[in-house]
């Protein structure tokens, strides 16, 4: 199984990529999802795909995300340092 880190998960290309991943759960798993400030979209994606990491560039959005998801399952990171860690 291939682990996928998706930069820009809430954009159109990210959504298309996640659609392919969802169609082939035996082949792909999401390791990390990243976005700029789309905390509400990321909440839904984290609940659906259960990534090990979720990164939002905006620290306030990252705090909102962390408060809404299972942090034992998905670790929330923020900013450039978070992006570097998952990339």
Protein backbone atom coordinates (compact mmCIF):
# COMPACT_ATOMS: atom_id res chain seq x y z
CA UNK A 1 0.00 0.00 0.00
CA UNK A 2 1.29 3.45 -0.93
CA UNK A 3 1.15 6.24 1.64
CA UNK A 4 0.21 9.60 0.10
CA UNK A 5 0.98 13.11 1.32
CA UNK A 6 -1.30 15.56 -0.43
CA UNK A 7 -0.28 19.21 -0.57
CA UNK A 8 -3.33 21.37 -1.24
CA UNK A 9 -5.94 18.79 -0.30
CA UNK A 10 -8.89 21.19 -0.44
CA UNK A 11 -8.21 22.51 -3.95
CA UNK A 12 -9.57 21.05 -7.17
CA UNK A 13 -6.52 18.88 -7.90
CA UNK A 14 -6.43 17.72 -4.28
CA UNK A 15 -10.10 16.78 -4.40
CA UNK A 16 -9.58 14.84 -7.63
CA UNK A 17 -6.65 13.00 -6.09
CA UNK A 18 -8.66 12.13 -2.99
CA UNK A 19 -11.43 10.79 -5.21
CA UNK A 20 -8.95 8.36 -6.77
CA UNK A 21 -7.61 7.37 -3.35
CA UNK A 22 -11.16 6.72 -2.12
CA UNK A 23 -11.84 4.49 -5.11
CA UNK A 24 -8.75 2.37 -4.40
CA UNK A 25 -8.46 1.92 -0.62
CA UNK A 26 -6.55 -1.32 -1.12
CA UNK A 27 -3.79 0.56 -2.96
CA UNK A 28 -3.56 3.96 -1.24
CA UNK A 29 -3.73 5.43 2.25
CA UNK A 30 -3.48 9.09 3.18
CA UNK A 31 -0.44 9.86 5.32
CA UNK A 32 -0.83 13.65 5.42
CA UNK A 33 -3.20 16.33 4.16
CA UNK A 34 -2.30 20.01 3.88
CA UNK A 35 -4.20 23.20 3.12
CA UNK A 36 -3.86 26.93 3.65
CA UNK A 37 -6.83 28.01 5.80
CA UNK A 38 -9.74 25.68 4.94
CA UNK A 39 -10.28 24.33 8.43
CA UNK A 40 -13.89 23.22 7.88
CA UNK A 41 -13.02 21.31 4.70
CA UNK A 42 -10.05 19.72 6.46
CA UNK A 43 -12.25 18.59 9.35
CA UNK A 44 -14.36 16.59 6.90
CA UNK A 45 -11.31 15.22 5.07
CA UNK A 46 -9.60 14.14 8.30
CA UNK A 47 -12.71 12.33 9.47
CA UNK A 48 -13.05 10.60 6.11
CA UNK A 49 -9.43 9.69 5.30
CA UNK A 50 -7.88 9.48 8.80
CA UNK A 51 -4.42 10.84 7.93
CA UNK A 52 -1.54 10.59 10.38
CA UNK A 53 -0.91 14.34 9.93
CA UNK A 54 -2.97 17.37 8.94
CA UNK A 55 -1.28 20.70 8.26
CA UNK A 56 -2.86 24.13 7.93
CA UNK A 57 -0.61 27.08 7.14
CA UNK A 58 -2.71 29.43 9.26
CA UNK A 59 -2.16 28.77 13.01
CA UNK A 60 -5.70 29.87 14.00
CA UNK A 61 -7.21 27.49 11.44
CA UNK A 62 -4.96 24.71 12.74
CA UNK A 63 -6.28 25.30 16.26
CA UNK A 64 -9.87 25.06 15.01
CA UNK A 65 -9.03 21.80 13.22
CA UNK A 66 -7.30 20.33 16.27
CA UNK A 67 -10.33 21.05 18.43
CA UNK A 68 -12.69 19.23 16.05
CA UNK A 69 -10.90 15.97 15.18
CA UNK A 70 -9.55 12.91 16.95
CA UNK A 71 -6.04 14.07 17.82
CA UNK A 72 -4.99 10.58 18.83
CA UNK A 73 -5.48 9.55 15.23
CA UNK A 74 -4.41 12.72 13.39
CA UNK A 75 -1.70 15.07 14.59
CA UNK A 76 -2.34 18.68 13.58
CA UNK A 77 0.61 20.83 12.58
CA UNK A 78 0.75 24.41 11.35
CA UNK A 79 2.84 26.80 9.32
CA UNK A 80 5.89 26.27 7.20
CA UNK A 81 7.47 23.94 9.75
CA UNK A 82 4.46 21.62 9.54
CA UNK A 83 4.61 21.57 5.75
CA UNK A 84 8.31 20.76 5.81
CA UNK A 85 7.76 17.94 8.29
CA UNK A 86 5.18 16.13 6.16
CA UNK A 87 6.86 16.83 2.82
